[in-house]
Amino acid sequence: MLETQDYQCPYCGEQVEALLDLSAGDQQYIEDCSVCCRPIVFTLQTDGEDWSLDVRGEND
């Protein structure tokens, strides 16, 4: 169950695309922005067919 989601980097403001694996359930992980290379905290919440993604800076 892979989905793609566009998000805005909390540091540089660029639109970036994330590939999300919904089969693993709720997750929190850190990935570097592909544009500015700063660490972004991803919080993925799943509820059946519904899901939401929150992104924030590491120190926010």
N, C-alpha and C. Protein backbone atom coordinates (compact mmCIF):
# COMPACT_ATOMS: atom_id res chain seq x y z
N MET A 1 0.82 -1.18 0.00
CA MET A 1 0.00 0.00 0.00
C MET A 1 0.87 1.25 0.00
N LEU A 2 1.36 1.64 -1.14
CA LEU A 2 2.19 2.83 -1.26
C LEU A 2 1.35 3.99 -1.79
N GLU A 3 1.58 5.15 -1.22
CA GLU A 3 0.91 6.39 -1.65
C GLU A 3 1.98 7.46 -1.81
N THR A 4 1.71 8.43 -2.66
CA THR A 4 2.58 9.59 -2.76
C THR A 4 1.83 10.80 -2.22
N GLN A 5 2.57 11.69 -1.59
CA GLN A 5 1.98 12.90 -1.01
C GLN A 5 2.95 14.05 -1.18
N ASP A 6 2.47 15.16 -1.72
CA ASP A 6 3.29 16.36 -1.79
C ASP A 6 3.23 17.07 -0.45
N TYR A 7 4.34 17.65 -0.05
CA TYR A 7 4.39 18.44 1.18
C TYR A 7 5.35 19.60 0.97
N GLN A 8 5.27 20.59 1.83
CA GLN A 8 6.15 21.74 1.76
C GLN A 8 7.20 21.62 2.85
N CYS A 9 8.46 21.73 2.47
CA CYS A 9 9.56 21.65 3.43
C CYS A 9 9.41 22.78 4.44
N PRO A 10 9.47 22.47 5.74
CA PRO A 10 9.33 23.52 6.75
C PRO A 10 10.55 24.46 6.82
N TYR A 11 11.63 24.13 6.15
CA TYR A 11 12.83 24.96 6.17
C TYR A 11 12.94 25.83 4.92
N CYS A 12 12.96 25.20 3.74
CA CYS A 12 13.21 25.95 2.51
C CYS A 12 11.93 26.31 1.76
N GLY A 13 10.79 25.69 2.14
CA GLY A 13 9.52 26.02 1.52
C GLY A 13 9.26 25.35 0.18
N GLU A 14 10.18 24.53 -0.29
CA GLU A 14 10.00 23.85 -1.58
C GLU A 14 8.95 22.75 -1.48
N GLN A 15 8.21 22.53 -2.56
CA GLN A 15 7.28 21.41 -2.65
C GLN A 15 8.08 20.15 -2.96
N VAL A 16 7.88 19.11 -2.17
CA VAL A 16 8.60 17.86 -2.31
C VAL A 16 7.59 16.73 -2.26
N GLU A 17 7.90 15.60 -2.88
CA GLU A 17 7.00 14.45 -2.89
C GLU A 17 7.55 13.36 -1.98
N ALA A 18 6.69 12.81 -1.13
CA ALA A 18 7.07 11.71 -0.24
C ALA A 18 6.38 10.44 -0.71
N LEU A 19 7.06 9.32 -0.60
CA LEU A 19 6.48 8.01 -0.86
C LEU A 19 6.18 7.38 0.48
N LEU A 20 4.91 7.09 0.74
CA LEU A 20 4.47 6.61 2.05
C LEU A 20 4.06 5.14 1.97
N ASP A 21 4.49 4.35 2.95
CA ASP A 21 4.10 2.95 3.06
C ASP A 21 3.02 2.85 4.13
N LEU A 22 1.76 2.79 3.70
CA LEU A 22 0.63 2.77 4.62
C LEU A 22 0.45 1.42 5.30
N SER A 23 1.08 0.36 4.78
CA SER A 23 0.89 -0.97 5.33
C SER A 23 1.55 -1.14 6.70
N ALA A 24 2.45 -0.23 7.08
CA ALA A 24 3.17 -0.35 8.35
C ALA A 24 2.43 0.31 9.51
N GLY A 25 1.26 0.89 9.27
CA GLY A 25 0.50 1.54 10.34
C GLY A 25 1.06 2.90 10.69
N ASP A 26 0.72 3.39 11.89
CA ASP A 26 1.18 4.70 12.34
C ASP A 26 2.71 4.70 12.45
N GLN A 27 3.32 5.80 12.02
CA GLN A 27 4.78 5.88 12.00
C GLN A 27 5.23 7.30 12.30
N GLN A 28 6.40 7.41 12.89
CA GLN A 28 7.09 8.69 12.98
C GLN A 28 8.55 8.43 12.62
N TYR A 29 9.06 9.21 11.69
CA TYR A 29 10.43 9.01 11.23
C TYR A 29 11.00 10.33 10.72
N ILE A 30 12.30 10.36 10.51
CA ILE A 30 13.00 11.56 10.04
C ILE A 30 13.63 11.25 8.69
N GLU A 31 13.41 12.18 7.74
CA GLU A 31 14.07 12.12 6.43
C GLU A 31 14.60 13.50 6.12
N ASP A 32 15.71 13.56 5.41
CA ASP A 32 16.27 14.84 5.00
C ASP A 32 15.53 15.36 3.77
N CYS A 33 15.33 16.68 3.72
CA CYS A 33 14.73 17.32 2.54
C CYS A 33 15.64 17.07 1.34
N SER A 34 15.06 16.70 0.22
CA SER A 34 15.86 16.42 -0.98
C SER A 34 16.39 17.71 -1.61
N VAL A 35 15.91 18.87 -1.17
CA VAL A 35 16.37 20.14 -1.72
C VAL A 35 17.43 20.77 -0.82
N CYS A 36 17.10 20.98 0.48
CA CYS A 36 18.03 21.68 1.38
C CYS A 36 18.77 20.76 2.35
N CYS A 37 18.42 19.48 2.37
CA CYS A 37 19.09 18.45 3.16
C CYS A 37 18.92 18.59 4.67
N ARG A 38 17.95 19.38 5.13
CA ARG A 38 17.70 19.51 6.57
C ARG A 38 16.72 18.43 7.02
N PRO A 39 16.80 17.98 8.27
CA PRO A 39 15.97 16.87 8.76
C PRO A 39 14.52 17.29 8.99
N ILE A 40 13.59 16.50 8.45
CA ILE A 40 12.16 16.74 8.58
C ILE A 40 11.55 15.57 9.34
N VAL A 41 10.72 15.86 10.33
CA VAL A 41 10.02 14.83 11.09
C VAL A 41 8.68 14.56 10.41
N PHE A 42 8.47 13.32 10.00
CA PHE A 42 7.22 12.89 9.38
C PHE A 42 6.41 12.12 10.41
N THR A 43 5.13 12.47 10.54
CA THR A 43 4.22 11.71 11.39
C THR A 43 3.08 11.24 10.50
N LEU A 44 3.00 9.94 10.29
CA LEU A 44 1.98 9.34 9.44
C LEU A 44 1.00 8.60 10.33
N GLN A 45 -0.28 8.95 10.21
CA GLN A 45 -1.31 8.26 10.97
C GLN A 45 -2.27 7.61 10.00
N THR A 46 -2.56 6.33 10.26
CA THR A 46 -3.45 5.57 9.39
C THR A 46 -4.67 5.11 10.18
N ASP A 47 -5.79 5.09 9.51
CA ASP A 47 -7.05 4.62 10.10
C ASP A 47 -7.85 3.97 8.99
N GLY A 48 -7.60 2.69 8.75
CA GLY A 48 -8.27 2.00 7.65
C GLY A 48 -7.83 2.58 6.32
N GLU A 49 -8.79 3.05 5.54
CA GLU A 49 -8.50 3.66 4.24
C GLU A 49 -8.08 5.12 4.37
N ASP A 50 -8.34 5.74 5.52
CA ASP A 50 -8.01 7.14 5.74
C ASP A 50 -6.61 7.25 6.34
N TRP A 51 -5.89 8.29 5.98
CA TRP A 51 -4.57 8.52 6.53
C TRP A 51 -4.25 10.00 6.49
N SER A 52 -3.30 10.42 7.31
CA SER A 52 -2.87 11.82 7.31
C SER A 52 -1.37 11.89 7.53
N LEU A 53 -0.76 12.91 6.96
CA LEU A 53 0.68 13.12 7.08
C LEU A 53 0.92 14.51 7.63
N ASP A 54 1.75 14.59 8.66
CA ASP A 54 2.16 15.87 9.24
C ASP A 54 3.68 15.95 9.11
N VAL A 55 4.19 17.09 8.65
CA VAL A 55 5.63 17.29 8.56
C VAL A 55 6.00 18.53 9.37
N ARG A 56 7.15 18.47 10.04
CA ARG A 56 7.61 19.61 10.82
C ARG A 56 9.13 19.58 10.89
N GLY A 57 9.68 20.71 11.26
CA GLY A 57 11.12 20.80 11.44
C GLY A 57 11.53 20.02 12.68
N GLU A 58 12.77 19.64 12.73
CA GLU A 58 13.27 18.79 13.83
C GLU A 58 13.13 19.47 15.19
N ASN A 59 13.24 20.78 15.28
CA ASN A 59 13.18 21.48 16.54
C ASN A 59 11.84 22.18 16.79
N ASP A 60 10.84 21.89 15.99
CA ASP A 60 9.51 22.51 16.15
C ASP A 60 8.66 21.76 17.16
